Amino acid sequence: MDPLLTSSTRAPEQPASSQTAESSEPRFYPRPMGPAFESGDERLNCRQLDQQLASLESDTYSAKPGFYEDPYAGASIFVGAVWAPGALAYLGYSGAAEYYEQDRVSEAQNRIEALRRMKARLRCYEY
């Protein structure tokens, strides 16, 4: 098998049972991951790789504003400090939404990186 197609996150000395135990734990921070290869990637040609790359590109965009650009965060702080402390709960929601948004974008970027490596292996960039 091609070494570019194999990606393993566990060290060779770790048993497979410890791999499943780690993956079931909750992720409190994004862990660095390698490119996400899928089964059937080795059968794709350059045109199919380009089509998949184009369809994944929109998944890397994020419409969620940052903390300081989010008008709801400012309103939540103001309303929570002056009238209703329950309004501060929006800040927790906003942080969780930001985490899941970054996780979604990271997965798409990892998949794009895998497809770019496949294109390089197939020499699609050469004319």
N, C-alpha and C. Protein backbone atom coordinates (compact mmCIF):
# COMPACT_ATOMS: atom_id res chain seq x y z
N MET A 1 0.84 -1.18 0.00
CA MET A 1 0.00 0.00 0.00
C MET A 1 0.89 1.24 0.00
N ASP A 2 0.43 2.28 -0.62
CA ASP A 2 1.16 3.53 -0.72
C ASP A 2 1.27 4.19 0.65
N PRO A 3 2.47 4.65 1.07
CA PRO A 3 2.60 5.27 2.39
C PRO A 3 1.83 6.58 2.51
N LEU A 4 1.54 7.23 1.39
CA LEU A 4 0.76 8.46 1.46
C LEU A 4 -0.70 8.20 1.81
N LEU A 5 -1.17 6.99 1.56
CA LEU A 5 -2.57 6.67 1.83
C LEU A 5 -2.79 6.17 3.25
N THR A 6 -1.72 5.81 3.93
CA THR A 6 -1.90 5.30 5.29
C THR A 6 -1.72 6.43 6.27
N SER A 7 -2.67 6.56 7.16
CA SER A 7 -2.54 7.54 8.24
C SER A 7 -3.03 6.89 9.51
N SER A 8 -2.17 6.85 10.47
CA SER A 8 -2.52 6.24 11.75
C SER A 8 -2.22 7.23 12.85
N THR A 9 -3.14 7.41 13.76
CA THR A 9 -2.93 8.34 14.86
C THR A 9 -2.36 7.65 16.09
N ARG A 10 -2.33 6.33 16.12
CA ARG A 10 -1.80 5.65 17.29
C ARG A 10 -0.37 5.20 17.00
N ALA A 11 0.42 5.15 18.03
CA ALA A 11 1.80 4.71 17.90
C ALA A 11 1.81 3.20 17.69
N PRO A 12 2.86 2.65 17.05
CA PRO A 12 2.87 1.22 16.78
C PRO A 12 2.87 0.37 18.05
N GLU A 13 3.42 0.87 19.16
CA GLU A 13 3.48 0.05 20.36
C GLU A 13 2.17 0.03 21.14
N GLN A 14 1.20 0.88 20.78
CA GLN A 14 -0.08 0.89 21.48
C GLN A 14 -0.98 -0.21 20.94
N PRO A 15 -1.65 -0.93 21.81
CA PRO A 15 -2.61 -1.92 21.32
C PRO A 15 -3.85 -1.24 20.77
N ALA A 16 -4.57 -1.96 19.93
CA ALA A 16 -5.76 -1.39 19.30
C ALA A 16 -6.84 -1.09 20.32
N SER A 17 -6.85 -1.80 21.45
CA SER A 17 -7.89 -1.55 22.45
C SER A 17 -7.74 -0.18 23.08
N SER A 18 -6.51 0.32 23.25
CA SER A 18 -6.34 1.66 23.82
C SER A 18 -6.77 2.73 22.83
N GLN A 19 -6.72 2.43 21.54
CA GLN A 19 -7.18 3.38 20.52
C GLN A 19 -8.67 3.65 20.66
N THR A 20 -9.46 2.61 20.88
CA THR A 20 -10.90 2.80 20.99
C THR A 20 -11.26 3.49 22.29
N ALA A 21 -10.50 3.25 23.36
CA ALA A 21 -10.80 3.91 24.63
C ALA A 21 -10.55 5.40 24.53
N GLU A 22 -9.48 5.80 23.82
CA GLU A 22 -9.19 7.22 23.68
C GLU A 22 -10.22 7.91 22.80
N SER A 23 -10.69 7.25 21.77
CA SER A 23 -11.62 7.89 20.85
C SER A 23 -13.00 8.08 21.46
N SER A 24 -13.33 7.31 22.51
CA SER A 24 -14.64 7.47 23.14
C SER A 24 -14.64 8.58 24.18
N GLU A 25 -13.47 9.07 24.56
CA GLU A 25 -13.41 10.15 25.54
C GLU A 25 -13.87 11.45 24.91
N PRO A 26 -14.46 12.34 25.71
CA PRO A 26 -14.87 13.63 25.15
C PRO A 26 -13.65 14.47 24.79
N ARG A 27 -13.77 15.21 23.71
CA ARG A 27 -12.67 16.06 23.26
C ARG A 27 -12.89 17.47 23.78
N PHE A 28 -12.04 17.90 24.70
CA PHE A 28 -12.18 19.23 25.28
C PHE A 28 -11.42 20.28 24.47
N TYR A 29 -10.55 19.87 23.61
CA TYR A 29 -9.83 20.77 22.73
C TYR A 29 -9.56 20.02 21.44
N PRO A 30 -9.46 20.73 20.34
CA PRO A 30 -9.20 20.04 19.07
C PRO A 30 -7.80 19.42 19.07
N ARG A 31 -7.74 18.15 18.79
CA ARG A 31 -6.45 17.47 18.72
C ARG A 31 -5.94 17.54 17.28
N PRO A 32 -4.63 17.68 17.11
CA PRO A 32 -4.11 17.70 15.75
C PRO A 32 -4.34 16.35 15.08
N MET A 33 -4.82 16.40 13.86
CA MET A 33 -5.10 15.17 13.12
C MET A 33 -4.43 15.26 11.76
N GLY A 34 -4.11 14.12 11.23
CA GLY A 34 -3.54 14.06 9.90
C GLY A 34 -4.62 14.13 8.85
N PRO A 35 -4.22 14.04 7.61
CA PRO A 35 -5.21 14.06 6.53
C PRO A 35 -6.18 12.89 6.63
N ALA A 36 -7.41 13.14 6.25
CA ALA A 36 -8.48 12.14 6.39
C ALA A 36 -8.68 11.40 5.07
N PHE A 37 -8.03 10.26 4.94
CA PHE A 37 -8.22 9.42 3.76
C PHE A 37 -9.43 8.55 3.97
N GLU A 38 -10.16 8.28 2.92
CA GLU A 38 -11.33 7.42 2.99
C GLU A 38 -11.15 6.24 2.05
N SER A 39 -11.95 5.21 2.26
CA SER A 39 -11.85 4.05 1.37
C SER A 39 -12.34 4.46 -0.02
N GLY A 40 -11.66 4.01 -1.01
CA GLY A 40 -12.02 4.34 -2.38
C GLY A 40 -11.27 5.54 -2.93
N ASP A 41 -10.47 6.20 -2.11
CA ASP A 41 -9.72 7.36 -2.60
C ASP A 41 -8.70 6.98 -3.66
N GLU A 42 -8.14 5.79 -3.55
CA GLU A 42 -7.10 5.40 -4.50
C GLU A 42 -7.66 5.15 -5.90
N ARG A 43 -8.98 5.04 -6.04
CA ARG A 43 -9.59 4.81 -7.35
C ARG A 43 -9.98 6.12 -8.05
N LEU A 44 -9.83 7.25 -7.39
CA LEU A 44 -10.23 8.53 -7.98
C LEU A 44 -9.19 9.02 -8.97
N ASN A 45 -9.67 9.66 -10.04
CA ASN A 45 -8.75 10.27 -10.99
C ASN A 45 -8.66 11.77 -10.69
N CYS A 46 -7.87 12.49 -11.47
CA CYS A 46 -7.62 13.90 -11.19
C CYS A 46 -8.90 14.74 -11.26
N ARG A 47 -9.73 14.45 -12.22
CA ARG A 47 -10.97 15.24 -12.36
C ARG A 47 -11.91 15.01 -11.18
N GLN A 48 -12.04 13.77 -10.73
CA GLN A 48 -12.89 13.48 -9.58
C GLN A 48 -12.33 14.11 -8.30
N LEU A 49 -11.01 14.13 -8.18
CA LEU A 49 -10.39 14.79 -7.03
C LEU A 49 -10.69 16.29 -7.05
N ASP A 50 -10.60 16.91 -8.23
CA ASP A 50 -10.93 18.33 -8.34
C ASP A 50 -12.38 18.61 -7.98
N GLN A 51 -13.28 17.73 -8.39
CA GLN A 51 -14.69 17.92 -8.06
C GLN A 51 -14.92 17.81 -6.56
N GLN A 52 -14.28 16.86 -5.91
CA GLN A 52 -14.44 16.73 -4.46
C GLN A 52 -13.82 17.92 -3.73
N LEU A 53 -12.68 18.39 -4.22
CA LEU A 53 -12.07 19.57 -3.60
C LEU A 53 -12.98 20.79 -3.72
N ALA A 54 -13.59 20.96 -4.88
CA ALA A 54 -14.49 22.10 -5.07
C ALA A 54 -15.72 22.01 -4.17
N SER A 55 -16.23 20.80 -3.98
CA SER A 55 -17.41 20.66 -3.13
C SER A 55 -17.07 20.83 -1.65
N LEU A 56 -15.85 20.52 -1.26
CA LEU A 56 -15.46 20.66 0.15
C LEU A 56 -15.03 22.08 0.51
N GLU A 57 -14.70 22.88 -0.48
CA GLU A 57 -14.19 24.23 -0.20
C GLU A 57 -15.20 25.06 0.59
N SER A 58 -16.47 24.92 0.28
CA SER A 58 -17.48 25.72 0.99
C SER A 58 -17.62 25.30 2.45
N ASP A 59 -17.20 24.08 2.80
CA ASP A 59 -17.27 23.64 4.20
C ASP A 59 -16.21 24.30 5.07
N THR A 60 -15.22 24.94 4.47
CA THR A 60 -14.18 25.60 5.26
C THR A 60 -14.55 27.03 5.62
N TYR A 61 -15.65 27.52 5.10
CA TYR A 61 -16.07 28.88 5.43
C TYR A 61 -16.88 28.88 6.71
N SER A 62 -16.72 29.92 7.49
CA SER A 62 -17.46 30.03 8.75
C SER A 62 -18.21 31.36 8.75
N ALA A 63 -19.51 31.30 9.01
CA ALA A 63 -20.32 32.51 9.06
C ALA A 63 -20.47 33.03 10.48
N LYS A 64 -19.97 32.28 11.45
CA LYS A 64 -20.11 32.70 12.84
C LYS A 64 -19.10 33.80 13.14
N PRO A 65 -19.56 34.95 13.64
CA PRO A 65 -18.61 36.02 13.97
C PRO A 65 -17.82 35.68 15.21
N GLY A 66 -16.65 36.28 15.34
CA GLY A 66 -15.84 36.09 16.53
C GLY A 66 -16.49 36.74 17.74
N PHE A 67 -15.90 36.54 18.90
CA PHE A 67 -16.51 37.04 20.13
C PHE A 67 -16.69 38.56 20.10
N TYR A 68 -15.69 39.29 19.67
CA TYR A 68 -15.76 40.75 19.68
C TYR A 68 -16.58 41.31 18.53
N GLU A 69 -16.81 40.52 17.49
CA GLU A 69 -17.63 40.97 16.37
C GLU A 69 -19.10 40.57 16.52
N ASP A 70 -19.40 39.74 17.48
CA ASP A 70 -20.76 39.22 17.67
C ASP A 70 -21.60 40.23 18.46
N PRO A 71 -22.61 40.85 17.84
CA PRO A 71 -23.41 41.83 18.57
C PRO A 71 -24.24 41.19 19.69
N TYR A 72 -24.59 39.92 19.54
CA TYR A 72 -25.36 39.25 20.58
C TYR A 72 -24.54 39.04 21.85
N ALA A 73 -23.22 38.85 21.70
CA ALA A 73 -22.37 38.69 22.88
C ALA A 73 -22.34 39.99 23.68
N GLY A 74 -22.19 41.11 22.99
CA GLY A 74 -22.20 42.40 23.69
C GLY A 74 -23.53 42.68 24.35
N ALA A 75 -24.61 42.38 23.64
CA ALA A 75 -25.94 42.59 24.22
C ALA A 75 -26.15 41.66 25.41
N SER A 76 -25.65 40.45 25.32
CA SER A 76 -25.79 39.50 26.42
C SER A 76 -25.06 39.99 27.67
N ILE A 77 -23.88 40.54 27.49
CA ILE A 77 -23.13 41.06 28.63
C ILE A 77 -23.85 42.26 29.23
N PHE A 78 -24.33 43.16 28.39
CA PHE A 78 -25.02 44.36 28.88
C PHE A 78 -26.30 43.98 29.62
N VAL A 79 -27.14 43.17 28.99
CA VAL A 79 -28.41 42.79 29.60
C VAL A 79 -28.17 41.94 30.85
N GLY A 80 -27.17 41.06 30.81
CA GLY A 80 -26.87 40.23 31.97
C GLY A 80 -26.35 41.02 33.14
N ALA A 81 -25.60 42.08 32.87
CA ALA A 81 -25.05 42.89 33.95
C ALA A 81 -26.08 43.84 34.53
N VAL A 82 -27.00 44.32 33.69
CA VAL A 82 -27.94 45.34 34.15
C VAL A 82 -29.26 44.75 34.62
N TRP A 83 -29.88 43.85 33.83
CA TRP A 83 -31.23 43.41 34.14
C TRP A 83 -31.35 41.94 34.51
N ALA A 84 -30.98 41.08 33.61
CA ALA A 84 -31.26 39.65 33.81
C ALA A 84 -29.97 38.84 33.69
N PRO A 85 -29.46 38.31 34.81
CA PRO A 85 -28.22 37.52 34.74
C PRO A 85 -28.33 36.28 33.86
N GLY A 86 -29.54 35.81 33.61
CA GLY A 86 -29.71 34.65 32.74
C GLY A 86 -29.28 34.90 31.32
N ALA A 87 -29.20 36.17 30.93
CA ALA A 87 -28.77 36.50 29.57
C ALA A 87 -27.31 36.13 29.34
N LEU A 88 -26.55 35.98 30.42
CA LEU A 88 -25.15 35.60 30.27
C LEU A 88 -24.99 34.16 29.79
N ALA A 89 -26.06 33.39 29.82
CA ALA A 89 -26.01 32.01 29.33
C ALA A 89 -25.68 31.96 27.84
N TYR A 90 -25.98 33.04 27.13
CA TYR A 90 -25.66 33.08 25.70
C TYR A 90 -24.16 32.94 25.47
N LEU A 91 -23.35 33.44 26.39
CA LEU A 91 -21.90 33.36 26.22
C LEU A 91 -21.43 31.91 26.22
N GLY A 92 -22.03 31.07 27.06
CA GLY A 92 -21.69 29.65 27.05
C GLY A 92 -22.11 28.99 25.75
N TYR A 93 -23.30 29.33 25.28
CA TYR A 93 -23.77 28.80 24.00
C TYR A 93 -22.85 29.24 22.87
N SER A 94 -22.45 30.50 22.89
CA SER A 94 -21.59 31.03 21.84
C SER A 94 -20.24 30.32 21.83
N GLY A 95 -19.69 30.05 23.01
CA GLY A 95 -18.41 29.34 23.08
C GLY A 95 -18.52 27.92 22.56
N ALA A 96 -19.61 27.24 22.90
CA ALA A 96 -19.81 25.87 22.41
C ALA A 96 -20.02 25.86 20.90
N ALA A 97 -20.77 26.83 20.40
CA ALA A 97 -21.00 26.91 18.95
C ALA A 97 -19.69 27.18 18.22
N GLU A 98 -18.84 28.01 18.80
CA GLU A 98 -17.54 28.31 18.20
C GLU A 98 -16.67 27.05 18.15
N TYR A 99 -16.69 26.26 19.21
CA TYR A 99 -15.91 25.02 19.26
C TYR A 99 -16.36 24.06 18.17
N TYR A 100 -17.66 23.85 18.05
CA TYR A 100 -18.16 22.91 17.04
C TYR A 100 -17.94 23.44 15.62
N GLU A 101 -17.98 24.74 15.46
CA GLU A 101 -17.71 25.34 14.15
C GLU A 101 -16.26 25.11 13.75
N GLN A 102 -15.34 25.32 14.69
CA GLN A 102 -13.93 25.09 14.40
C GLN A 102 -13.65 23.62 14.13
N ASP A 103 -14.34 22.74 14.83
CA ASP A 103 -14.18 21.30 14.60
C ASP A 103 -14.66 20.92 13.20
N ARG A 104 -15.78 21.49 12.77
CA ARG A 104 -16.32 21.21 11.43
C ARG A 104 -15.36 21.70 10.35
N VAL A 105 -14.84 22.91 10.53
CA VAL A 105 -13.91 23.48 9.55
C VAL A 105 -12.61 22.67 9.52
N SER A 106 -12.15 22.23 10.69
CA SER A 106 -10.92 21.45 10.76
C SER A 106 -11.06 20.12 10.04
N GLU A 107 -12.21 19.46 10.18
CA GLU A 107 -12.43 18.20 9.47
C GLU A 107 -12.43 18.40 7.96
N ALA A 108 -13.04 19.48 7.50
CA ALA A 108 -13.05 19.76 6.06
C ALA A 108 -11.64 20.06 5.56
N GLN A 109 -10.87 20.80 6.34
CA GLN A 109 -9.50 21.12 5.93
C GLN A 109 -8.63 19.86 5.90
N ASN A 110 -8.84 18.95 6.85
CA ASN A 110 -8.08 17.69 6.84
C ASN A 110 -8.42 16.86 5.61
N ARG A 111 -9.68 16.83 5.24
CA ARG A 111 -10.10 16.07 4.05
C ARG A 111 -9.52 16.71 2.79
N ILE A 112 -9.53 18.04 2.72
CA ILE A 112 -8.95 18.74 1.57
C ILE A 112 -7.46 18.44 1.47
N GLU A 113 -6.77 18.42 2.60
CA GLU A 113 -5.35 18.11 2.59
C GLU A 113 -5.11 16.69 2.08
N ALA A 114 -5.96 15.75 2.45
CA ALA A 114 -5.82 14.37 1.96
C ALA A 114 -6.01 14.32 0.44
N LEU A 115 -7.00 15.04 -0.06
CA LEU A 115 -7.24 15.04 -1.51
C LEU A 115 -6.10 15.72 -2.26
N ARG A 116 -5.52 16.75 -1.68
CA ARG A 116 -4.38 17.41 -2.33
C ARG A 116 -3.17 16.48 -2.37
N ARG A 117 -2.99 15.71 -1.32
CA ARG A 117 -1.89 14.73 -1.34
C ARG A 117 -2.13 13.66 -2.40
N MET A 118 -3.39 13.27 -2.56
CA MET A 118 -3.72 12.30 -3.61
C MET A 118 -3.42 12.89 -4.99
N LYS A 119 -3.76 14.17 -5.17
CA LYS A 119 -3.48 14.81 -6.46
C LYS A 119 -1.98 14.87 -6.71
N ALA A 120 -1.20 15.14 -5.68
CA ALA A 120 0.25 15.18 -5.84
C ALA A 120 0.80 13.80 -6.17
N ARG A 121 0.26 12.77 -5.54
CA ARG A 121 0.70 11.40 -5.81
C ARG A 121 0.39 11.00 -7.24
N LEU A 122 -0.77 11.45 -7.75
CA LEU A 122 -1.15 11.13 -9.13
C LEU A 122 -0.52 12.09 -10.15
N ARG A 123 0.23 13.06 -9.66
CA ARG A 123 0.90 14.07 -10.50
C ARG A 123 -0.10 14.87 -11.32
N CYS A 124 -1.19 15.25 -10.69
CA CYS A 124 -2.22 16.02 -11.38
C CYS A 124 -1.79 17.46 -11.62
N TYR A 125 -0.78 17.93 -10.89
CA TYR A 125 -0.35 19.32 -11.03
C TYR A 125 0.60 19.51 -12.20
N GLU A 126 1.07 18.43 -12.78
CA GLU A 126 1.99 18.53 -13.91
C GLU A 126 1.20 18.63 -15.21
N TYR A 127 1.69 19.44 -16.10
CA TYR A 127 1.02 19.60 -17.40
C TYR A 127 1.86 19.08 -18.51
